[in-house]
Amino acid sequence: MGTERGRGDQSRERRREQIRERREQARLSAREHGLAEAAERVERSSFERGERAKAGGFGPSTGSSALTRSRVRLDLPRPARRRLLPEYDPEAFGRLSERVARFLGTGRFIVWMTVVIIVWVLWNIFAPGHLRWDEYPFIFLTLMLSLQASYAAPLILLAQNRQDDRDRVNLEQDRKQNERSIADTEYLTREIAALRMGLGEVATRDWIRSEFQDLIKEMDERRLFPQERDEGDR
């Protein structure tokens, strides 16, 4: 029994040494060819083989090797996803919508639109027949105006939403500023009240003058009636 165990241990040690040699050879070859990823895969596979050799199983690879192969590497960035919809800059599109909405809300736009409609109608009424492209009842003109309205309404709504967001931010800043102003005002009010209470205990010029006057009167009275006071004291 002891000899069989010793032979089994020797065979396992030989297999481990062979696995280590194969791993070192694969790593050196991968480094020479600049294939770092292949070296990692070889190292993982050799490590799994070593673990199976320790456990005593030499069968084919199981689901653990498949999981390690399909695992996504964390040291590499993800590839860009393909999107069917075109990409755009929301900030640039929002600025464009504000410009369009600002132009649509001016009298210049109304004047130019009125001039275009009048020229369109007059041309399609009085121009020669082969030069008219939209005769009465001006269906193409109606289509163009409805198309303009269908695009103008979302642009105006987008511009209003951006303006609402800016107004919300401004109101929040104003509210914080008002809170700070109120806090500063309350602090100054408390300081002024403390100063008034402190000044109430300070000797003012009028109080000192009144005290001096009383003292002078008392000294004069003592000079005029010194004997009476002495008798009274007796």
Protein backbone atom coordinates (compact mmCIF):
# COMPACT_ATOMS: atom_id res chain seq x y z
CA MET A 1 0.00 0.00 0.00
CA GLY A 2 2.81 2.36 0.82
CA THR A 3 4.57 1.69 -2.47
CA GLU A 4 1.36 2.30 -4.45
CA ARG A 5 0.81 5.62 -2.69
CA GLY A 6 4.40 6.60 -3.32
CA ARG A 7 4.07 5.78 -7.01
CA GLY A 8 0.83 7.77 -7.21
CA ASP A 9 2.47 10.78 -5.57
CA GLN A 10 5.45 10.54 -7.93
CA SER A 11 3.16 10.39 -10.97
CA ARG A 12 1.25 13.41 -9.77
CA GLU A 13 4.45 15.34 -9.16
CA ARG A 14 5.66 14.47 -12.69
CA ARG A 15 2.37 15.64 -14.18
CA ARG A 16 2.53 18.89 -12.24
CA GLU A 17 6.09 19.46 -13.46
CA GLN A 18 5.04 18.75 -17.04
CA ILE A 19 2.12 21.20 -16.70
CA ARG A 20 4.43 23.88 -15.31
CA GLU A 21 6.93 23.36 -18.14
CA ARG A 22 4.17 23.60 -20.76
CA ARG A 23 2.83 26.75 -19.13
CA GLU A 24 6.26 28.40 -19.07
CA GLN A 25 6.91 27.44 -22.70
CA ALA A 26 3.52 28.81 -23.80
CA ARG A 27 4.07 32.03 -21.86
CA LEU A 28 7.53 32.56 -23.37
CA SER A 29 6.27 31.92 -26.88
CA ALA A 30 3.33 34.26 -26.38
CA ARG A 31 5.59 37.00 -25.04
CA GLU A 32 7.94 36.59 -27.99
CA HIS A 33 5.10 37.03 -30.47
CA GLY A 34 3.48 39.85 -28.46
CA LEU A 35 0.30 37.89 -27.73
CA ALA A 36 -0.50 38.79 -24.15
CA GLU A 37 -4.11 37.69 -24.41
CA ALA A 38 -3.10 34.25 -25.70
CA ALA A 39 -0.70 33.92 -22.80
CA GLU A 40 -3.49 34.61 -20.34
CA ARG A 41 -5.72 32.02 -21.96
CA VAL A 42 -2.95 29.43 -21.93
CA GLU A 43 -2.24 30.23 -18.31
CA ARG A 44 -5.89 29.83 -17.37
CA SER A 45 -6.22 26.54 -19.22
CA SER A 46 -3.05 25.19 -17.65
CA PHE A 47 -4.24 26.29 -14.22
CA GLU A 48 -7.52 24.43 -14.76
CA ARG A 49 -5.65 21.34 -15.87
CA GLY A 50 -3.50 21.52 -12.77
CA GLU A 51 -6.59 21.79 -10.59
CA ARG A 52 -8.15 18.77 -12.31
CA ALA A 53 -4.87 16.88 -11.86
CA LYS A 54 -4.92 17.64 -8.16
CA ALA A 55 -8.50 16.46 -7.92
CA GLY A 56 -7.62 13.24 -9.82
CA GLY A 57 -9.85 13.91 -12.84
CA PHE A 58 -8.37 13.99 -16.37
CA GLY A 59 -11.56 14.19 -18.44
CA PRO A 60 -12.51 16.85 -20.96
CA SER A 61 -13.14 20.46 -19.96
CA THR A 62 -16.44 21.22 -18.25
CA GLY A 63 -18.60 24.34 -18.04
CA SER A 64 -16.07 26.22 -15.88
CA SER A 65 -13.61 26.49 -18.77
CA ALA A 66 -16.40 27.71 -21.05
CA LEU A 67 -17.32 30.38 -18.50
CA THR A 68 -13.72 31.56 -18.23
CA ARG A 69 -13.43 31.73 -22.00
CA SER A 70 -16.66 33.68 -22.46
CA ARG A 71 -15.95 36.08 -19.58
CA VAL A 72 -15.58 39.71 -20.67
CA ARG A 73 -12.29 41.34 -19.83
CA LEU A 74 -12.53 44.33 -17.52
CA ASP A 75 -9.23 45.95 -18.54
CA LEU A 76 -10.50 46.70 -22.06
CA PRO A 77 -13.17 49.25 -23.02
CA ARG A 78 -16.44 48.03 -24.38
CA PRO A 79 -16.92 48.27 -28.13
CA ALA A 80 -19.23 51.00 -29.32
CA ARG A 81 -22.79 49.85 -29.81
CA ARG A 82 -24.37 50.28 -33.16
CA ARG A 83 -27.46 52.43 -33.12
CA LEU A 84 -30.08 52.59 -35.79
CA LEU A 85 -31.09 56.16 -34.94
CA PRO A 86 -28.71 59.00 -35.85
CA GLU A 87 -26.80 60.63 -33.01
CA TYR A 88 -27.02 64.37 -32.33
CA ASP A 89 -25.97 66.93 -29.78
CA PRO A 90 -29.00 67.83 -27.59
CA GLU A 91 -27.47 71.14 -26.53
CA ALA A 92 -26.81 72.27 -30.11
CA PHE A 93 -30.29 71.16 -31.17
CA GLY A 94 -31.81 73.06 -28.23
CA ARG A 95 -29.95 76.24 -29.18
CA LEU A 96 -31.17 75.87 -32.76
CA SER A 97 -34.75 75.44 -31.57
CA GLU A 98 -34.46 78.60 -29.47
CA ARG A 99 -33.19 80.57 -32.47
CA VAL A 100 -36.04 79.30 -34.63
CA ALA A 101 -38.63 80.02 -31.94
CA ARG A 102 -37.17 83.48 -31.38
CA PHE A 103 -37.38 84.21 -35.13
CA LEU A 104 -40.93 82.86 -35.39
CA GLY A 105 -42.01 85.23 -32.64
CA THR A 106 -40.87 88.38 -34.45
CA GLY A 107 -42.76 90.71 -36.75
CA ARG A 108 -40.18 90.13 -39.50
CA PHE A 109 -41.28 86.52 -39.87
CA ILE A 110 -44.93 87.52 -40.09
CA VAL A 111 -44.16 90.13 -42.75
CA TRP A 112 -42.08 87.75 -44.85
CA MET A 113 -44.65 84.96 -44.56
CA THR A 114 -47.42 87.36 -45.61
CA VAL A 115 -45.40 88.54 -48.61
CA VAL A 116 -44.64 84.98 -49.70
CA ILE A 117 -48.30 83.93 -49.44
CA ILE A 118 -49.49 86.97 -51.41
CA VAL A 119 -46.90 86.41 -54.15
CA TRP A 120 -47.77 82.71 -54.24
CA VAL A 121 -51.51 83.37 -54.63
CA LEU A 122 -51.10 86.16 -57.20
CA TRP A 123 -48.66 84.16 -59.30
CA ASN A 124 -50.88 81.10 -59.40
CA ILE A 125 -53.88 83.27 -60.37
CA PHE A 126 -52.52 85.72 -62.96
CA ALA A 127 -49.49 83.88 -64.34
CA PRO A 128 -49.71 81.91 -67.61
CA GLY A 129 -51.17 78.45 -67.32
CA HIS A 130 -47.95 76.54 -68.05
CA LEU A 131 -46.09 78.51 -65.32
CA ARG A 132 -48.59 77.86 -62.52
CA TRP A 133 -47.60 75.13 -60.09
CA ASP A 134 -50.42 75.45 -57.50
CA GLU A 135 -53.77 76.49 -58.88
CA TYR A 136 -56.89 77.23 -56.88
CA PRO A 137 -57.68 76.01 -54.13
CA PHE A 138 -53.88 76.17 -53.45
CA ILE A 139 -53.46 72.66 -52.03
CA PHE A 140 -49.68 72.79 -52.17
CA LEU A 141 -49.63 76.08 -50.24
CA THR A 142 -51.88 74.56 -47.58
CA LEU A 143 -49.53 71.57 -47.37
CA MET A 144 -46.50 73.81 -46.95
CA LEU A 145 -48.15 75.88 -44.22
CA SER A 146 -49.27 72.78 -42.33
CA LEU A 147 -45.74 71.33 -42.63
CA GLN A 148 -44.30 74.55 -41.27
CA ALA A 149 -46.75 74.52 -38.38
CA SER A 150 -46.02 70.86 -37.59
CA TYR A 151 -42.31 71.64 -37.26
CA ALA A 152 -42.70 75.02 -35.57
CA ALA A 153 -44.88 73.73 -32.72
CA PRO A 154 -42.36 71.14 -31.36
CA LEU A 155 -39.48 73.60 -31.75
CA ILE A 156 -41.40 76.23 -29.79
CA LEU A 157 -42.25 73.67 -27.08
CA LEU A 158 -38.61 72.62 -26.85
CA ALA A 159 -37.51 76.24 -26.52
CA GLN A 160 -40.14 76.80 -23.81
CA ASN A 161 -38.95 73.73 -21.91
CA ARG A 162 -35.38 75.02 -21.98
CA GLN A 163 -36.57 78.42 -20.81
CA ASP A 164 -38.56 76.77 -18.00
CA ASP A 165 -35.44 74.88 -16.92
CA ARG A 166 -33.44 78.10 -16.85
CA ASP A 167 -36.21 79.88 -14.91
CA ARG A 168 -36.31 77.02 -12.42
CA VAL A 169 -32.56 77.27 -11.87
CA ASN A 170 -32.77 81.06 -11.50
CA LEU A 171 -35.63 80.76 -9.01
CA GLU A 172 -33.67 78.24 -6.99
CA GLN A 173 -30.67 80.56 -6.92
CA ASP A 174 -32.88 83.51 -5.94
CA ARG A 175 -34.43 81.47 -3.15
CA LYS A 176 -31.01 80.53 -1.78
CA GLN A 177 -29.89 84.15 -2.03
CA ASN A 178 -33.01 85.31 -0.17
CA GLU A 179 -32.36 82.73 2.54
CA ARG A 180 -28.81 84.00 2.95
CA SER A 181 -30.04 87.61 3.03
CA ILE A 182 -32.62 86.77 5.70
CA ALA A 183 -30.00 84.97 7.77
CA ASP A 184 -27.61 87.93 7.49
CA THR A 185 -30.40 90.36 8.43
CA GLU A 186 -31.32 88.34 11.50
CA TYR A 187 -27.67 88.18 12.53
CA LEU A 188 -27.27 91.95 12.17
CA THR A 189 -30.50 92.51 14.11
CA ARG A 190 -29.24 90.39 16.99
CA GLU A 191 -25.91 92.23 16.95
CA ILE A 192 -27.63 95.64 17.03
CA ALA A 193 -29.85 94.53 19.91
CA ALA A 194 -26.79 93.33 21.81
CA LEU A 195 -25.05 96.67 21.20
CA ARG A 196 -28.09 98.57 22.47
CA MET A 197 -28.20 96.48 25.61
CA GLY A 198 -24.48 97.07 26.09
CA LEU A 199 -24.82 100.81 25.56
CA GLY A 200 -27.59 100.97 28.13
CA GLU A 201 -25.03 100.22 30.83
CA VAL A 202 -22.43 102.71 29.56
CA ALA A 203 -22.12 106.14 31.19
CA THR A 204 -23.15 108.79 28.68
CA ARG A 205 -22.19 112.45 28.61
CA ASP A 206 -25.60 113.65 29.81
CA TRP A 207 -25.61 111.23 32.73
CA ILE A 208 -22.12 112.30 33.81
CA ARG A 209 -23.15 115.95 33.54
CA SER A 210 -26.23 115.39 35.67
CA GLU A 211 -24.15 113.58 38.28
CA PHE A 212 -21.69 116.45 38.40
CA GLN A 213 -24.50 118.97 38.81
CA ASP A 214 -25.97 117.02 41.70
CA LEU A 215 -22.57 116.79 43.31
CA ILE A 216 -22.00 120.55 42.94
CA LYS A 217 -25.40 121.30 44.48
CA GLU A 218 -24.66 119.01 47.39
CA MET A 219 -21.29 120.72 47.99
CA ASP A 220 -22.88 124.16 47.86
CA GLU A 221 -25.50 123.15 50.38
CA ARG A 222 -22.84 121.87 52.72
CA ARG A 223 -20.97 125.18 52.50
CA LEU A 224 -24.06 127.28 53.16
CA PHE A 225 -25.46 125.25 56.05
CA PRO A 226 -22.52 123.53 57.72
CA GLN A 227 -23.62 124.23 61.36
CA GLU A 228 -27.17 122.92 60.98
CA ARG A 229 -25.95 119.72 59.53
CA ASP A 230 -23.40 119.33 62.28
CA GLU A 231 -26.11 119.81 64.91
CA GLY A 232 -28.36 117.42 63.18
CA ASP A 233 -25.61 114.90 63.16
CA ARG A 234 -25.18 115.31 66.88
